[in-house]
Amino acid sequence: MKNREQFSSNENKADPVLCKESQDEVLTKDEQKEAQKKLVGIREKVDKITDKLGMPIEDSIKETVVMFNAFNIRTSQSCEGHAEEDQKSAPWIMVQPRIPENEEWYEDKDTREKVIAQSRTMRKQLTDLLNLFYRERKTDFSDMLGFSEVAYGFKLQSNGAEVFKGLDVGEAQEKLLAYRKEMKDFTDFLKGIYPKHLFKRL
């Protein structure tokens, strides 16, 4: 089941990821507390998000949604993944800039370029984060997280997501566990570096 999200902690202004790690910058206890306080606030907002049917974000993907928004990467939909034949899907999160409500917005060159630029900025930031995550991590290619293009944005999902749809239920259930673990491990990685990211110590 997929859920729509309309929340961003900073109106799509994605922060650049600094890949150069500092050896001597250590967060104070007050800074660590402030980082946790901000995450609590984001979680409270995410907990209130529902789709058009009133369904909340699914539990297995909710913390990933929280962390994306903590890094100012705007999510629009998500799915925790399912192995049932009628709704087979790997876990995914859709990232999109805020699309103007005016249906003719694409005809305006400045607006169109702004939307495209926001999408590219978020993709660049997420690419940098994935590079950090996979720097020393050995993972089966099909389990690794990658991008899938969608209108004015992209999905983050395991590389084997399309092949997953053709697996029988037994194989899909086993693979789903691997895909969910990959997403959770990336989420835990984001949680680990978030305080230093917040205070520009990465």
C-alpha atoms as a PDB file:
ATOM      1  CA  MET A   1       0.000   0.000   0.000  1.00  0.00           C
ATOM      2  CA  LYS A   2       1.364   3.409  -0.888  1.00  0.00           C
ATOM      3  CA  ASN A   3       0.868   6.602   1.051  1.00  0.00           C
ATOM      4  CA  ARG A   4       1.045  10.187  -0.076  1.00  0.00           C
ATOM      5  CA  GLU A   5       3.075  12.620   1.951  1.00  0.00           C
ATOM      6  CA  GLN A   6       2.953  16.385   1.712  1.00  0.00           C
ATOM      7  CA  PHE A   7       5.559  17.522   4.191  1.00  0.00           C
ATOM      8  CA  SER A   8       8.932  19.138   4.057  1.00  0.00           C
ATOM      9  CA  SER A   9      10.781  20.561   7.015  1.00  0.00           C
ATOM     10  CA  ASN A  10      12.252  23.415   4.956  1.00  0.00           C
ATOM     11  CA  GLU A  11      10.274  23.997   1.753  1.00  0.00           C
ATOM     12  CA  ASN A  12      12.533  21.967  -0.546  1.00  0.00           C
ATOM     13  CA  LYS A  13      15.731  23.858   0.255  1.00  0.00           C
ATOM     14  CA  ALA A  14      17.944  20.794   0.331  1.00  0.00           C
ATOM     15  CA  ASP A  15      21.207  21.237   2.189  1.00  0.00           C
ATOM     16  CA  PRO A  16      24.451  20.257   0.472  1.00  0.00           C
ATOM     17  CA  VAL A  17      26.166  17.175   1.879  1.00  0.00           C
ATOM     18  CA  LEU A  18      29.780  17.740   2.802  1.00  0.00           C
ATOM     19  CA  CYS A  19      31.621  14.477   2.240  1.00  0.00           C
ATOM     20  CA  LYS A  20      34.817  15.586   3.947  1.00  0.00           C
ATOM     21  CA  GLU A  21      34.678  14.231   7.487  1.00  0.00           C
ATOM     22  CA  SER A  22      36.218  16.161  10.351  1.00  0.00           C
ATOM     23  CA  GLN A  23      38.321  14.331  12.896  1.00  0.00           C
ATOM     24  CA  ASP A  24      38.180  16.928  15.647  1.00  0.00           C
ATOM     25  CA  GLU A  25      34.658  18.378  15.476  1.00  0.00           C
ATOM     26  CA  VAL A  26      32.701  16.800  18.319  1.00  0.00           C
ATOM     27  CA  LEU A  27      29.115  17.716  19.121  1.00  0.00           C
ATOM     28  CA  THR A  28      28.283  19.039  22.550  1.00  0.00           C
ATOM     29  CA  LYS A  29      25.532  17.435  24.634  1.00  0.00           C
ATOM     30  CA  ASP A  30      23.352  20.478  24.005  1.00  0.00           C
ATOM     31  CA  GLU A  31      23.800  20.093  20.251  1.00  0.00           C
ATOM     32  CA  GLN A  32      22.942  16.406  20.447  1.00  0.00           C
ATOM     33  CA  LYS A  33      19.807  17.237  22.437  1.00  0.00           C
ATOM     34  CA  GLU A  34      18.831  19.893  19.920  1.00  0.00           C
ATOM     35  CA  ALA A  35      19.197  17.414  17.071  1.00  0.00           C
ATOM     36  CA  GLN A  36      16.979  14.887  18.831  1.00  0.00           C
ATOM     37  CA  LYS A  37      14.432  17.597  19.607  1.00  0.00           C
ATOM     38  CA  LYS A  38      14.201  18.507  15.924  1.00  0.00           C
ATOM     39  CA  LEU A  39      13.674  14.846  14.998  1.00  0.00           C
ATOM     40  CA  VAL A  40      10.859  14.570  17.534  1.00  0.00           C
ATOM     41  CA  GLY A  41       9.157  17.549  15.912  1.00  0.00           C
ATOM     42  CA  ILE A  42       9.496  16.050  12.439  1.00  0.00           C
ATOM     43  CA  ARG A  43       8.131  12.700  13.649  1.00  0.00           C
ATOM     44  CA  GLU A  44       5.103  14.417  15.129  1.00  0.00           C
ATOM     45  CA  LYS A  45       4.332  16.004  11.769  1.00  0.00           C
ATOM     46  CA  VAL A  46       4.907  12.772   9.840  1.00  0.00           C
ATOM     47  CA  ASP A  47       2.611  10.904  12.249  1.00  0.00           C
ATOM     48  CA  LYS A  48      -0.238  13.190  11.167  1.00  0.00           C
ATOM     49  CA  ILE A  49       0.176  12.581   7.439  1.00  0.00           C
ATOM     50  CA  THR A  50      -2.513  10.496   5.746  1.00  0.00           C
ATOM     51  CA  ASP A  51      -3.441   9.679   2.165  1.00  0.00           C
ATOM     52  CA  LYS A  52      -6.754  10.486   0.505  1.00  0.00           C
ATOM     53  CA  LEU A  53      -8.327   7.453   2.174  1.00  0.00           C
ATOM     54  CA  GLY A  54      -7.158   8.582   5.595  1.00  0.00           C
ATOM     55  CA  MET A  55      -4.465   5.901   5.851  1.00  0.00           C
ATOM     56  CA  PRO A  56      -1.243   6.835   7.673  1.00  0.00           C
ATOM     57  CA  ILE A  57       2.276   6.227   6.405  1.00  0.00           C
ATOM     58  CA  GLU A  58       3.153   2.548   6.797  1.00  0.00           C
ATOM     59  CA  ASP A  59       5.206   1.694   9.865  1.00  0.00           C
ATOM     60  CA  SER A  60       8.164   0.043   8.128  1.00  0.00           C
ATOM     61  CA  ILE A  61       8.859   3.086   5.953  1.00  0.00           C
ATOM     62  CA  LYS A  62       7.790   5.898   8.304  1.00  0.00           C
ATOM     63  CA  GLU A  63      11.185   6.469   9.933  1.00  0.00           C
ATOM     64  CA  THR A  64      12.776   6.706   6.479  1.00  0.00           C
ATOM     65  CA  VAL A  65      10.268   9.423   5.583  1.00  0.00           C
ATOM     66  CA  VAL A  66      11.211  11.196   8.819  1.00  0.00           C
ATOM     67  CA  MET A  67      14.920  11.108   8.046  1.00  0.00           C
ATOM     68  CA  PHE A  68      14.528  12.233   4.437  1.00  0.00           C
ATOM     69  CA  ASN A  69      12.616  15.281   5.624  1.00  0.00           C
ATOM     70  CA  ALA A  70      15.188  15.855   8.370  1.00  0.00           C
ATOM     71  CA  PHE A  71      17.710  16.251   5.546  1.00  0.00           C
ATOM     72  CA  ASN A  72      15.244  18.531   3.711  1.00  0.00           C
ATOM     73  CA  ILE A  73      14.572  15.947   1.009  1.00  0.00           C
ATOM     74  CA  ARG A  74      10.871  16.333   0.249  1.00  0.00           C
ATOM     75  CA  THR A  75       8.891  13.091   0.077  1.00  0.00           C
ATOM     76  CA  SER A  76       5.558  12.831  -1.729  1.00  0.00           C
ATOM     77  CA  GLN A  77       4.673   9.108  -1.530  1.00  0.00           C
ATOM     78  CA  SER A  78       6.035   5.927   0.030  1.00  0.00           C
ATOM     79  CA  CYS A  79       5.454   2.197   0.346  1.00  0.00           C
ATOM     80  CA  GLU A  80       6.949  -0.263   2.832  1.00  0.00           C
ATOM     81  CA  GLY A  81       6.826  -3.066   0.269  1.00  0.00           C
ATOM     82  CA  HIS A  82       4.514  -6.056  -0.121  1.00  0.00           C
ATOM     83  CA  ALA A  83       4.911  -9.623  -1.354  1.00  0.00           C
ATOM     84  CA  GLU A  84       1.244 -10.393  -1.995  1.00  0.00           C
ATOM     85  CA  GLU A  85       0.501 -11.270  -5.613  1.00  0.00           C
ATOM     86  CA  ASP A  86      -2.062  -8.517  -6.118  1.00  0.00           C
ATOM     87  CA  GLN A  87       0.114  -5.688  -4.743  1.00  0.00           C
ATOM     88  CA  LYS A  88       3.693  -6.891  -5.126  1.00  0.00           C
ATOM     89  CA  SER A  89       6.124  -4.031  -4.602  1.00  0.00           C
ATOM     90  CA  ALA A  90       9.588  -3.422  -3.190  1.00  0.00           C
ATOM     91  CA  PRO A  91       9.892  -0.661  -0.552  1.00  0.00           C
ATOM     92  CA  TRP A  92      10.220   2.785  -2.098  1.00  0.00           C
ATOM     93  CA  ILE A  93      10.099   6.485  -1.353  1.00  0.00           C
ATOM     94  CA  MET A  94       9.170   9.082  -3.941  1.00  0.00           C
ATOM     95  CA  VAL A  95      11.004  12.406  -3.827  1.00  0.00           C
ATOM     96  CA  GLN A  96       9.485  15.373  -5.625  1.00  0.00           C
ATOM     97  CA  PRO A  97       9.649  19.155  -5.353  1.00  0.00           C
ATOM     98  CA  ARG A  98       6.433  20.967  -4.569  1.00  0.00           C
ATOM     99  CA  ILE A  99       4.452  21.133  -7.803  1.00  0.00           C
ATOM    100  CA  PRO A 100       2.424  24.340  -8.376  1.00  0.00           C
ATOM    101  CA  GLU A 101      -1.334  23.798  -8.219  1.00  0.00           C
ATOM    102  CA  ASN A 102      -1.862  25.717 -11.453  1.00  0.00           C
ATOM    103  CA  GLU A 103      -2.157  23.033 -14.149  1.00  0.00           C
ATOM    104  CA  GLU A 104      -0.470  25.309 -16.691  1.00  0.00           C
ATOM    105  CA  TRP A 105       2.626  25.908 -14.542  1.00  0.00           C
ATOM    106  CA  TYR A 106       4.850  23.933 -16.920  1.00  0.00           C
ATOM    107  CA  GLU A 107       4.270  26.511 -19.645  1.00  0.00           C
ATOM    108  CA  ASP A 108       6.060  29.105 -17.507  1.00  0.00           C
ATOM    109  CA  LYS A 109       9.786  28.719 -18.176  1.00  0.00           C
ATOM    110  CA  ASP A 110      10.970  30.215 -14.869  1.00  0.00           C
ATOM    111  CA  THR A 111       8.618  28.041 -12.803  1.00  0.00           C
ATOM    112  CA  ARG A 112       9.526  24.924 -14.787  1.00  0.00           C
ATOM    113  CA  GLU A 113      13.245  25.525 -14.367  1.00  0.00           C
ATOM    114  CA  LYS A 114      12.792  26.147 -10.639  1.00  0.00           C
ATOM    115  CA  VAL A 115      10.942  22.834 -10.148  1.00  0.00           C
ATOM    116  CA  ILE A 116      13.542  20.911 -12.165  1.00  0.00           C
ATOM    117  CA  ALA A 117      16.399  22.572 -10.250  1.00  0.00           C
ATOM    118  CA  GLN A 118      14.850  21.612  -6.903  1.00  0.00           C
ATOM    119  CA  SER A 119      14.546  17.997  -8.021  1.00  0.00           C
ATOM    120  CA  ARG A 120      18.161  17.920  -9.187  1.00  0.00           C
ATOM    121  CA  THR A 121      19.371  19.445  -5.924  1.00  0.00           C
ATOM    122  CA  MET A 122      17.590  16.809  -3.846  1.00  0.00           C
ATOM    123  CA  ARG A 123      18.870  14.029  -6.088  1.00  0.00           C
ATOM    124  CA  LYS A 124      22.435  15.339  -5.791  1.00  0.00           C
ATOM    125  CA  GLN A 125      22.142  15.436  -2.004  1.00  0.00           C
ATOM    126  CA  LEU A 126      20.719  11.923  -1.836  1.00  0.00           C
ATOM    127  CA  THR A 127      23.446  10.690  -4.197  1.00  0.00           C
ATOM    128  CA  ASP A 128      26.081  12.108  -1.842  1.00  0.00           C
ATOM    129  CA  LEU A 129      24.407  10.414   1.131  1.00  0.00           C
ATOM    130  CA  LEU A 130      24.274   7.074  -0.704  1.00  0.00           C
ATOM    131  CA  ASN A 131      27.951   7.397  -1.616  1.00  0.00           C
ATOM    132  CA  LEU A 132      28.755   7.816   2.072  1.00  0.00           C
ATOM    133  CA  PHE A 133      26.506   4.893   3.002  1.00  0.00           C
ATOM    134  CA  TYR A 134      28.046   2.512   0.469  1.00  0.00           C
ATOM    135  CA  ARG A 135      31.623   3.677   0.902  1.00  0.00           C
ATOM    136  CA  GLU A 136      32.614   0.581   2.896  1.00  0.00           C
ATOM    137  CA  ARG A 137      29.417  -1.450   2.691  1.00  0.00           C
ATOM    138  CA  LYS A 138      29.299  -4.676   0.688  1.00  0.00           C
ATOM    139  CA  THR A 139      25.815  -5.331  -0.646  1.00  0.00           C
ATOM    140  CA  ASP A 140      24.275  -7.483  -3.359  1.00  0.00           C
ATOM    141  CA  PHE A 141      23.602  -5.201  -6.338  1.00  0.00           C
ATOM    142  CA  SER A 142      19.904  -6.095  -6.460  1.00  0.00           C
ATOM    143  CA  ASP A 143      19.527  -5.015  -2.825  1.00  0.00           C
ATOM    144  CA  MET A 144      21.418  -1.732  -3.235  1.00  0.00           C
ATOM    145  CA  LEU A 145      19.348   1.429  -3.295  1.00  0.00           C
ATOM    146  CA  GLY A 146      19.111   3.317  -6.562  1.00  0.00           C
ATOM    147  CA  PHE A 147      16.954   5.785  -8.462  1.00  0.00           C
ATOM    148  CA  SER A 148      13.929   5.321 -10.680  1.00  0.00           C
ATOM    149  CA  GLU A 149      12.671   8.317 -12.675  1.00  0.00           C
ATOM    150  CA  VAL A 150       9.175   9.700 -12.077  1.00  0.00           C
ATOM    151  CA  ALA A 151       7.572  12.952 -13.183  1.00  0.00           C
ATOM    152  CA  TYR A 152       9.643  15.903 -11.904  1.00  0.00           C
ATOM    153  CA  GLY A 153      11.284  13.672  -9.307  1.00  0.00           C
ATOM    154  CA  PHE A 154      12.456  10.145  -8.586  1.00  0.00           C
ATOM    155  CA  LYS A 155      11.924   7.037  -6.481  1.00  0.00           C
ATOM    156  CA  LEU A 156      14.534   5.573  -4.192  1.00  0.00           C
ATOM    157  CA  GLN A 157      14.238   1.785  -4.181  1.00  0.00           C
ATOM    158  CA  SER A 158      16.381  -1.328  -4.465  1.00  0.00           C
ATOM    159  CA  ASN A 159      17.855  -1.990  -7.895  1.00  0.00           C
ATOM    160  CA  GLY A 160      15.966  -5.263  -8.144  1.00  0.00           C
ATOM    161  CA  ALA A 161      12.556  -3.646  -7.633  1.00  0.00           C
ATOM    162  CA  GLU A 162      11.319  -4.315 -11.183  1.00  0.00           C
ATOM    163  CA  VAL A 163      12.523  -7.938 -11.176  1.00  0.00           C
ATOM    164  CA  PHE A 164      10.839  -8.352  -7.787  1.00  0.00           C
ATOM    165  CA  LYS A 165       7.425  -7.989  -9.425  1.00  0.00           C
ATOM    166  CA  GLY A 166       7.993 -11.207 -11.380  1.00  0.00           C
ATOM    167  CA  LEU A 167       8.980 -13.399  -8.417  1.00  0.00           C
ATOM    168  CA  ASP A 168       6.614 -15.989  -6.996  1.00  0.00           C
ATOM    169  CA  VAL A 169       5.184 -15.222  -3.568  1.00  0.00           C
ATOM    170  CA  GLY A 170       7.707 -17.367  -1.677  1.00  0.00           C
ATOM    171  CA  GLU A 171      10.712 -15.768  -3.379  1.00  0.00           C
ATOM    172  CA  ALA A 172       9.157 -12.327  -3.030  1.00  0.00           C
ATOM    173  CA  GLN A 173       8.650 -12.738   0.717  1.00  0.00           C
ATOM    174  CA  GLU A 174      12.323 -13.634   1.165  1.00  0.00           C
ATOM    175  CA  LYS A 175      13.552 -10.807  -1.044  1.00  0.00           C
ATOM    176  CA  LEU A 176      11.239  -8.314   0.618  1.00  0.00           C
ATOM    177  CA  LEU A 177      13.035  -8.889   3.915  1.00  0.00           C
ATOM    178  CA  ALA A 178      16.359  -8.065   2.255  1.00  0.00           C
ATOM    179  CA  TYR A 179      14.962  -4.926   0.610  1.00  0.00           C
ATOM    180  CA  ARG A 180      13.395  -3.704   3.842  1.00  0.00           C
ATOM    181  CA  LYS A 181      16.656  -4.312   5.685  1.00  0.00           C
ATOM    182  CA  GLU A 182      18.579  -2.260   3.118  1.00  0.00           C
ATOM    183  CA  MET A 183      16.166   0.640   3.510  1.00  0.00           C
ATOM    184  CA  LYS A 184      16.272   0.366   7.310  1.00  0.00           C
ATOM    185  CA  ASP A 185      20.066   0.252   7.360  1.00  0.00           C
ATOM    186  CA  PHE A 186      20.202   3.397   5.213  1.00  0.00           C
ATOM    187  CA  THR A 187      17.698   5.035   7.558  1.00  0.00           C
ATOM    188  CA  ASP A 188      19.800   4.118  10.592  1.00  0.00           C
ATOM    189  CA  PHE A 189      22.841   5.544   8.794  1.00  0.00           C
ATOM    190  CA  LEU A 190      21.019   8.842   8.264  1.00  0.00           C
ATOM    191  CA  LYS A 191      20.003   8.919  11.919  1.00  0.00           C
ATOM    192  CA  GLY A 192      23.620   8.392  12.911  1.00  0.00           C
ATOM    193  CA  ILE A 193      24.999  11.286  10.864  1.00  0.00           C
ATOM    194  CA  TYR A 194      22.049  13.664  11.252  1.00  0.00           C
ATOM    195  CA  PRO A 195      23.327  15.554  14.327  1.00  0.00           C
ATOM    196  CA  LYS A 196      26.634  16.372  12.614  1.00  0.00           C
ATOM    197  CA  HIS A 197      24.791  17.232   9.405  1.00  0.00           C
ATOM    198  CA  LEU A 198      22.532  19.616  11.321  1.00  0.00           C
ATOM    199  CA  PHE A 199      25.467  21.468  12.813  1.00  0.00           C
ATOM    200  CA  LYS A 200      27.558  21.351   9.632  1.00  0.00           C
ATOM    201  CA  ARG A 201      30.159  18.945  11.089  1.00  0.00           C
ATOM    202  CA  LEU A 202      30.213  16.436   8.218  1.00  0.00           C
END
